[in-house]
Amino acid sequence: MTEVTRFTHGSRIPGWDDAVDPDKAPAPVPDAATTPVPAELRQEIEAEMAKYPVSRSALIPALHAAQRVHGWCSPEAIEQVATVMGITPGEVAAVATFYDMFETKPVGRQTIYVCTNISCSLRGGDKILAAMKAAAEGDADFNIRGFECLGACDMAPMASVNGDFVGPLEPADCAQIVSDLKGGLEVIPSKQLRARPCADPAGNVAVTSNEGGQS
């Protein structure tokens, strides 16, 4: 048997039981006077904060806004969110690194998440992911990866294309999606979730608009 390497003080990682220094100064909130924040980003974050009784509850939408502006949750983006919200960068980074929808490394601006969880997998989700990557041919402008679950099993196999749910997909659709994105076109409108009709409580059928959100 191969002997398991252990640290001299035991089997745990060094420092795991080090006491917290109560005299250490807390991490500071960035100084708003010296931390530049794009005006539109500031306005969007402040608008989100106004929706909640506790303003820090807006941290997730604030990070989404910063990611749209910067392309990823860069150290600069995290610093700007912390500045506007009046919290420490550490608090912002803790959320950004926890959730899968936030990118903490530079990625392409065209984001395609292909669902590879059970429902999509059984209907060929892995083939869709492979076809999508092949269609992009390593183009650095595309951020394509598998996603554990996007919660749209009724349209499996599917993908989130820059936030729009598209499906059911066939491998041949992947080249069309990449081509549409490169050309600045709407991605396969007939297969977008927001293009589906839905019924309102009164029993009337309303068709969703291309502005997003179901009516």
C-alpha atoms as a PDB file:
ATOM      1  CA  MET A   1       0.000   0.000   0.000  1.00  0.00           C
ATOM      2  CA  THR A   2       1.123   3.548  -0.725  1.00  0.00           C
ATOM      3  CA  GLU A   3       1.482   5.577   2.446  1.00  0.00           C
ATOM      4  CA  VAL A   4      -0.668   8.686   2.538  1.00  0.00           C
ATOM      5  CA  THR A   5       1.427  11.801   3.035  1.00  0.00           C
ATOM      6  CA  ARG A   6       0.455  13.705   6.151  1.00  0.00           C
ATOM      7  CA  PHE A   7       1.530  17.045   7.527  1.00  0.00           C
ATOM      8  CA  THR A   8       3.727  16.881  10.617  1.00  0.00           C
ATOM      9  CA  HIS A   9       0.993  18.293  12.847  1.00  0.00           C
ATOM     10  CA  GLY A  10      -1.741  15.997  11.528  1.00  0.00           C
ATOM     11  CA  SER A  11      -3.766  15.306   8.413  1.00  0.00           C
ATOM     12  CA  ARG A  12      -5.342  18.706   7.916  1.00  0.00           C
ATOM     13  CA  ILE A  13      -4.090  21.591   5.817  1.00  0.00           C
ATOM     14  CA  PRO A  14      -1.740  23.888   7.767  1.00  0.00           C
ATOM     15  CA  GLY A  15      -3.518  26.892   9.205  1.00  0.00           C
ATOM     16  CA  TRP A  16      -6.982  25.371   9.321  1.00  0.00           C
ATOM     17  CA  ASP A  17      -7.256  25.979  13.063  1.00  0.00           C
ATOM     18  CA  ASP A  18      -5.397  29.287  13.287  1.00  0.00           C
ATOM     19  CA  ALA A  19      -7.321  31.727  15.422  1.00  0.00           C
ATOM     20  CA  VAL A  20      -8.797  34.827  13.799  1.00  0.00           C
ATOM     21  CA  ASP A  21      -6.968  38.006  14.731  1.00  0.00           C
ATOM     22  CA  PRO A  22      -9.642  40.179  16.394  1.00  0.00           C
ATOM     23  CA  ASP A  23      -7.322  43.186  16.288  1.00  0.00           C
ATOM     24  CA  LYS A  24      -6.843  43.043  12.542  1.00  0.00           C
ATOM     25  CA  ALA A  25      -8.544  45.908  10.731  1.00  0.00           C
ATOM     26  CA  PRO A  26     -11.447  44.853   8.492  1.00  0.00           C
ATOM     27  CA  ALA A  27     -11.041  45.118   4.742  1.00  0.00           C
ATOM     28  CA  PRO A  28     -11.950  48.644   3.685  1.00  0.00           C
ATOM     29  CA  VAL A  29     -14.774  49.680   1.420  1.00  0.00           C
ATOM     30  CA  PRO A  30     -13.271  51.317  -1.705  1.00  0.00           C
ATOM     31  CA  ASP A  31     -13.189  55.098  -1.643  1.00  0.00           C
ATOM     32  CA  ALA A  32     -15.854  56.414  -4.008  1.00  0.00           C
ATOM     33  CA  ALA A  33     -13.783  59.563  -4.572  1.00  0.00           C
ATOM     34  CA  THR A  34     -10.854  57.627  -6.015  1.00  0.00           C
ATOM     35  CA  THR A  35     -12.608  54.629  -7.631  1.00  0.00           C
ATOM     36  CA  PRO A  36     -14.027  55.533 -11.061  1.00  0.00           C
ATOM     37  CA  VAL A  37     -17.284  53.787 -11.975  1.00  0.00           C
ATOM     38  CA  PRO A  38     -18.974  54.116 -15.395  1.00  0.00           C
ATOM     39  CA  ALA A  39     -22.066  56.289 -14.997  1.00  0.00           C
ATOM     40  CA  GLU A  40     -24.430  53.768 -16.621  1.00  0.00           C
ATOM     41  CA  LEU A  41     -23.142  50.958 -14.410  1.00  0.00           C
ATOM     42  CA  ARG A  42     -23.544  53.078 -11.299  1.00  0.00           C
ATOM     43  CA  GLN A  43     -27.104  53.994 -12.264  1.00  0.00           C
ATOM     44  CA  GLU A  44     -28.047  50.371 -12.947  1.00  0.00           C
ATOM     45  CA  ILE A  45     -26.613  49.131  -9.654  1.00  0.00           C
ATOM     46  CA  GLU A  46     -28.294  51.907  -7.682  1.00  0.00           C
ATOM     47  CA  ALA A  47     -31.606  51.113  -9.404  1.00  0.00           C
ATOM     48  CA  GLU A  48     -31.261  47.473  -8.378  1.00  0.00           C
ATOM     49  CA  MET A  49     -30.373  48.428  -4.795  1.00  0.00           C
ATOM     50  CA  ALA A  50     -33.534  50.534  -4.567  1.00  0.00           C
ATOM     51  CA  LYS A  51     -35.660  47.411  -5.120  1.00  0.00           C
ATOM     52  CA  TYR A  52     -34.623  45.760  -1.842  1.00  0.00           C
ATOM     53  CA  PRO A  53     -35.126  46.638   1.844  1.00  0.00           C
ATOM     54  CA  VAL A  54     -31.507  45.560   2.392  1.00  0.00           C
ATOM     55  CA  SER A  55     -29.427  47.037  -0.415  1.00  0.00           C
ATOM     56  CA  ARG A  56     -26.783  44.290  -0.422  1.00  0.00           C
ATOM     57  CA  SER A  57     -29.513  41.901  -1.627  1.00  0.00           C
ATOM     58  CA  ALA A  58     -28.917  43.473  -5.054  1.00  0.00           C
ATOM     59  CA  LEU A  59     -25.413  42.015  -5.268  1.00  0.00           C
ATOM     60  CA  ILE A  60     -26.253  39.337  -7.833  1.00  0.00           C
ATOM     61  CA  PRO A  61     -27.954  41.712 -10.329  1.00  0.00           C
ATOM     62  CA  ALA A  62     -25.142  44.202  -9.680  1.00  0.00           C
ATOM     63  CA  LEU A  63     -22.590  41.584 -10.682  1.00  0.00           C
ATOM     64  CA  HIS A  64     -24.600  40.748 -13.787  1.00  0.00           C
ATOM     65  CA  ALA A  65     -24.526  44.428 -14.727  1.00  0.00           C
ATOM     66  CA  ALA A  66     -20.781  44.678 -14.141  1.00  0.00           C
ATOM     67  CA  GLN A  67     -20.162  41.530 -16.151  1.00  0.00           C
ATOM     68  CA  ARG A  68     -22.103  42.953 -19.095  1.00  0.00           C
ATOM     69  CA  VAL A  69     -19.981  46.105 -18.993  1.00  0.00           C
ATOM     70  CA  HIS A  70     -16.587  44.468 -18.509  1.00  0.00           C
ATOM     71  CA  GLY A  71     -17.187  41.123 -20.185  1.00  0.00           C
ATOM     72  CA  TRP A  72     -16.266  39.306 -16.959  1.00  0.00           C
ATOM     73  CA  CYS A  73     -16.098  39.895 -13.211  1.00  0.00           C
ATOM     74  CA  SER A  74     -12.639  41.381 -13.314  1.00  0.00           C
ATOM     75  CA  PRO A  75     -10.909  42.802 -10.225  1.00  0.00           C
ATOM     76  CA  GLU A  76     -11.855  46.249 -11.556  1.00  0.00           C
ATOM     77  CA  ALA A  77     -15.501  45.226 -11.939  1.00  0.00           C
ATOM     78  CA  ILE A  78     -15.586  43.789  -8.418  1.00  0.00           C
ATOM     79  CA  GLU A  79     -14.017  46.982  -7.059  1.00  0.00           C
ATOM     80  CA  GLN A  80     -16.635  49.110  -8.824  1.00  0.00           C
ATOM     81  CA  VAL A  81     -19.559  47.024  -7.523  1.00  0.00           C
ATOM     82  CA  ALA A  82     -18.150  47.236  -3.997  1.00  0.00           C
ATOM     83  CA  THR A  83     -17.776  50.999  -4.308  1.00  0.00           C
ATOM     84  CA  VAL A  84     -21.354  51.636  -5.371  1.00  0.00           C
ATOM     85  CA  MET A  85     -22.840  49.193  -2.871  1.00  0.00           C
ATOM     86  CA  GLY A  86     -20.674  50.333   0.030  1.00  0.00           C
ATOM     87  CA  ILE A  87     -19.338  46.861   0.851  1.00  0.00           C
ATOM     88  CA  THR A  88     -15.894  45.277   0.683  1.00  0.00           C
ATOM     89  CA  PRO A  89     -14.460  43.722  -2.502  1.00  0.00           C
ATOM     90  CA  GLY A  90     -14.118  40.483  -0.539  1.00  0.00           C
ATOM     91  CA  GLU A  91     -17.884  40.277  -0.077  1.00  0.00           C
ATOM     92  CA  VAL A  92     -18.416  40.860  -3.786  1.00  0.00           C
ATOM     93  CA  ALA A  93     -15.754  38.343  -4.822  1.00  0.00           C
ATOM     94  CA  ALA A  94     -17.255  35.689  -2.513  1.00  0.00           C
ATOM     95  CA  VAL A  95     -20.512  35.835  -4.486  1.00  0.00           C
ATOM     96  CA  ALA A  96     -18.827  36.119  -7.892  1.00  0.00           C
ATOM     97  CA  THR A  97     -16.774  32.970  -7.286  1.00  0.00           C
ATOM     98  CA  PHE A  98     -19.713  30.987  -5.878  1.00  0.00           C
ATOM     99  CA  TYR A  99     -22.189  31.212  -8.745  1.00  0.00           C
ATOM    100  CA  ASP A 100     -21.537  29.493 -12.052  1.00  0.00           C
ATOM    101  CA  MET A 101     -23.006  32.270 -14.178  1.00  0.00           C
ATOM    102  CA  PHE A 102     -20.242  34.693 -13.225  1.00  0.00           C
ATOM    103  CA  GLU A 103     -16.924  34.552 -15.062  1.00  0.00           C
ATOM    104  CA  THR A 104     -13.859  35.366 -12.988  1.00  0.00           C
ATOM    105  CA  LYS A 105     -11.448  34.952 -15.900  1.00  0.00           C
ATOM    106  CA  PRO A 106     -11.496  36.713 -19.290  1.00  0.00           C
ATOM    107  CA  VAL A 107     -13.852  34.982 -21.731  1.00  0.00           C
ATOM    108  CA  GLY A 108     -15.428  35.660 -25.091  1.00  0.00           C
ATOM    109  CA  ARG A 109     -18.407  38.012 -25.085  1.00  0.00           C
ATOM    110  CA  GLN A 110     -20.647  35.565 -26.948  1.00  0.00           C
ATOM    111  CA  THR A 111     -21.722  33.274 -24.114  1.00  0.00           C
ATOM    112  CA  ILE A 112     -23.295  29.917 -24.927  1.00  0.00           C
ATOM    113  CA  TYR A 113     -24.145  27.537 -22.107  1.00  0.00           C
ATOM    114  CA  VAL A 114     -25.234  24.117 -23.369  1.00  0.00           C
ATOM    115  CA  CYS A 115     -27.263  22.154 -20.840  1.00  0.00           C
ATOM    116  CA  THR A 116     -25.757  18.707 -20.260  1.00  0.00           C
ATOM    117  CA  ASN A 117     -27.874  17.567 -17.311  1.00  0.00           C
ATOM    118  CA  ILE A 118     -30.001  14.420 -17.429  1.00  0.00           C
ATOM    119  CA  SER A 119     -32.947  15.518 -19.618  1.00  0.00           C
ATOM    120  CA  CYS A 120     -30.758  17.280 -22.169  1.00  0.00           C
ATOM    121  CA  SER A 121     -28.111  14.568 -21.978  1.00  0.00           C
ATOM    122  CA  LEU A 122     -30.645  11.855 -22.805  1.00  0.00           C
ATOM    123  CA  ARG A 123     -31.744  13.868 -25.832  1.00  0.00           C
ATOM    124  CA  GLY A 124     -28.243  14.504 -27.158  1.00  0.00           C
ATOM    125  CA  GLY A 125     -26.989  17.452 -25.123  1.00  0.00           C
ATOM    126  CA  ASP A 126     -23.381  16.254 -25.298  1.00  0.00           C
ATOM    127  CA  LYS A 127     -23.580  16.138 -29.098  1.00  0.00           C
ATOM    128  CA  ILE A 128     -24.980  19.674 -29.113  1.00  0.00           C
ATOM    129  CA  LEU A 129     -22.063  20.883 -26.971  1.00  0.00           C
ATOM    130  CA  ALA A 130     -19.517  19.220 -29.271  1.00  0.00           C
ATOM    131  CA  ALA A 131     -21.225  20.612 -32.385  1.00  0.00           C
ATOM    132  CA  MET A 132     -21.357  24.108 -30.884  1.00  0.00           C
ATOM    133  CA  LYS A 133     -17.634  24.080 -30.110  1.00  0.00           C
ATOM    134  CA  ALA A 134     -16.852  22.747 -33.583  1.00  0.00           C
ATOM    135  CA  ALA A 135     -18.971  25.479 -35.186  1.00  0.00           C
ATOM    136  CA  ALA A 136     -17.080  28.213 -33.317  1.00  0.00           C
ATOM    137  CA  GLU A 137     -13.739  26.688 -34.360  1.00  0.00           C
ATOM    138  CA  GLY A 138     -11.875  28.086 -31.380  1.00  0.00           C
ATOM    139  CA  ASP A 139     -12.994  31.692 -32.017  1.00  0.00           C
ATOM    140  CA  ALA A 140     -11.890  33.591 -28.900  1.00  0.00           C
ATOM    141  CA  ASP A 141     -15.039  35.724 -29.059  1.00  0.00           C
ATOM    142  CA  PHE A 142     -17.099  32.681 -28.052  1.00  0.00           C
ATOM    143  CA  ASN A 143     -17.441  31.374 -24.498  1.00  0.00           C
ATOM    144  CA  ILE A 144     -18.950  27.912 -24.935  1.00  0.00           C
ATOM    145  CA  ARG A 145     -19.239  25.358 -22.152  1.00  0.00           C
ATOM    146  CA  GLY A 146     -21.481  22.728 -20.708  1.00  0.00           C
ATOM    147  CA  PHE A 147     -23.832  23.744 -17.907  1.00  0.00           C
ATOM    148  CA  GLU A 148     -25.117  21.480 -15.154  1.00  0.00           C
ATOM    149  CA  CYS A 149     -28.780  22.469 -15.517  1.00  0.00           C
ATOM    150  CA  LEU A 150     -30.585  25.435 -17.039  1.00  0.00           C
ATOM    151  CA  GLY A 151     -34.026  24.388 -15.801  1.00  0.00           C
ATOM    152  CA  ALA A 152     -35.717  24.124 -19.193  1.00  0.00           C
ATOM    153  CA  CYS A 153     -36.223  20.366 -19.491  1.00  0.00           C
ATOM    154  CA  ASP A 154     -39.346  20.800 -21.645  1.00  0.00           C
ATOM    155  CA  MET A 155     -37.211  22.138 -24.503  1.00  0.00           C
ATOM    156  CA  ALA A 156     -34.327  19.685 -24.227  1.00  0.00           C
ATOM    157  CA  PRO A 157     -31.733  19.641 -25.638  1.00  0.00           C
ATOM    158  CA  MET A 158     -31.270  23.373 -25.259  1.00  0.00           C
ATOM    159  CA  ALA A 159     -28.787  26.141 -24.626  1.00  0.00           C
ATOM    160  CA  SER A 160     -28.627  29.631 -23.189  1.00  0.00           C
ATOM    161  CA  VAL A 161     -27.308  31.980 -25.867  1.00  0.00           C
ATOM    162  CA  ASN A 162     -26.361  35.317 -24.317  1.00  0.00           C
ATOM    163  CA  GLY A 163     -29.150  34.751 -21.811  1.00  0.00           C
ATOM    164  CA  ASP A 164     -31.819  33.653 -24.298  1.00  0.00           C
ATOM    165  CA  PHE A 165     -33.062  30.066 -23.950  1.00  0.00           C
ATOM    166  CA  VAL A 166     -33.073  28.286 -27.322  1.00  0.00           C
ATOM    167  CA  GLY A 167     -34.333  24.786 -28.061  1.00  0.00           C
ATOM    168  CA  PRO A 168     -35.010  22.008 -28.772  1.00  0.00           C
ATOM    169  CA  LEU A 169     -31.755  22.015 -30.697  1.00  0.00           C
ATOM    170  CA  GLU A 170     -30.320  19.747 -33.340  1.00  0.00           C
ATOM    171  CA  PRO A 171     -26.591  19.566 -34.148  1.00  0.00           C
ATOM    172  CA  ALA A 172     -27.237  21.420 -37.405  1.00  0.00           C
ATOM    173  CA  ASP A 173     -28.623  24.387 -35.427  1.00  0.00           C
ATOM    174  CA  CYS A 174     -25.230  25.039 -33.841  1.00  0.00           C
ATOM    175  CA  ALA A 175     -23.622  26.377 -37.018  1.00  0.00           C
ATOM    176  CA  GLN A 176     -26.665  28.627 -37.508  1.00  0.00           C
ATOM    177  CA  ILE A 177     -26.386  29.979 -33.969  1.00  0.00           C
ATOM    178  CA  VAL A 178     -22.697  30.798 -34.380  1.00  0.00           C
ATOM    179  CA  SER A 179     -23.336  32.377 -37.790  1.00  0.00           C
ATOM    180  CA  ASP A 180     -26.213  34.486 -36.441  1.00  0.00           C
ATOM    181  CA  LEU A 181     -24.082  35.757 -33.554  1.00  0.00           C
ATOM    182  CA  LYS A 182     -21.205  36.661 -35.845  1.00  0.00           C
ATOM    183  CA  GLY A 183     -23.606  38.531 -38.103  1.00  0.00           C
ATOM    184  CA  GLY A 184     -25.300  40.376 -35.256  1.00  0.00           C
ATOM    185  CA  LEU A 185     -28.607  38.638 -36.006  1.00  0.00           C
ATOM    186  CA  GLU A 186     -31.271  37.289 -33.678  1.00  0.00           C
ATOM    187  CA  VAL A 187     -30.544  33.642 -32.936  1.00  0.00           C
ATOM    188  CA  ILE A 188     -33.105  31.190 -34.408  1.00  0.00           C
ATOM    189  CA  PRO A 189     -36.168  33.221 -33.333  1.00  0.00           C
ATOM    190  CA  SER A 190     -38.552  30.298 -33.883  1.00  0.00           C
ATOM    191  CA  LYS A 191     -36.777  28.246 -31.200  1.00  0.00           C
ATOM    192  CA  GLN A 192     -36.426  30.922 -28.533  1.00  0.00           C
ATOM    193  CA  LEU A 193     -38.328  30.419 -25.294  1.00  0.00           C
ATOM    194  CA  ARG A 194     -39.522  34.025 -25.194  1.00  0.00           C
ATOM    195  CA  ALA A 195     -41.136  33.599 -28.628  1.00  0.00           C
ATOM    196  CA  ARG A 196     -43.517  30.960 -27.299  1.00  0.00           C
ATOM    197  CA  PRO A 197     -47.157  31.887 -26.659  1.00  0.00           C
ATOM    198  CA  CYS A 198     -48.451  31.616 -23.124  1.00  0.00           C
ATOM    199  CA  ALA A 199     -51.893  31.754 -21.512  1.00  0.00           C
ATOM    200  CA  ASP A 200     -52.873  34.420 -19.015  1.00  0.00           C
ATOM    201  CA  PRO A 201     -55.124  33.704 -15.975  1.00  0.00           C
ATOM    202  CA  ALA A 202     -58.176  34.885 -17.936  1.00  0.00           C
ATOM    203  CA  GLY A 203     -57.653  32.157 -20.503  1.00  0.00           C
ATOM    204  CA  ASN A 204     -56.458  34.447 -23.249  1.00  0.00           C
ATOM    205  CA  VAL A 205     -53.383  33.619 -25.254  1.00  0.00           C
ATOM    206  CA  ALA A 206     -50.700  36.280 -25.376  1.00  0.00           C
ATOM    207  CA  VAL A 207     -47.633  36.135 -27.577  1.00  0.00           C
ATOM    208  CA  THR A 208     -44.345  37.266 -26.103  1.00  0.00           C
ATOM    209  CA  SER A 209     -42.544  40.164 -27.709  1.00  0.00           C
ATOM    210  CA  ASN A 210     -38.956  40.301 -28.908  1.00  0.00           C
ATOM    211  CA  GLU A 211     -38.230  42.858 -26.192  1.00  0.00           C
ATOM    212  CA  GLY A 212     -37.871  40.011 -23.696  1.00  0.00           C
ATOM    213  CA  GLY A 213     -40.122  38.743 -20.930  1.00  0.00           C
ATOM    214  CA  GLN A 214     -43.433  37.015 -21.321  1.00  0.00           C
ATOM    215  CA  SER A 215     -46.618  39.078 -21.476  1.00  0.00           C
END
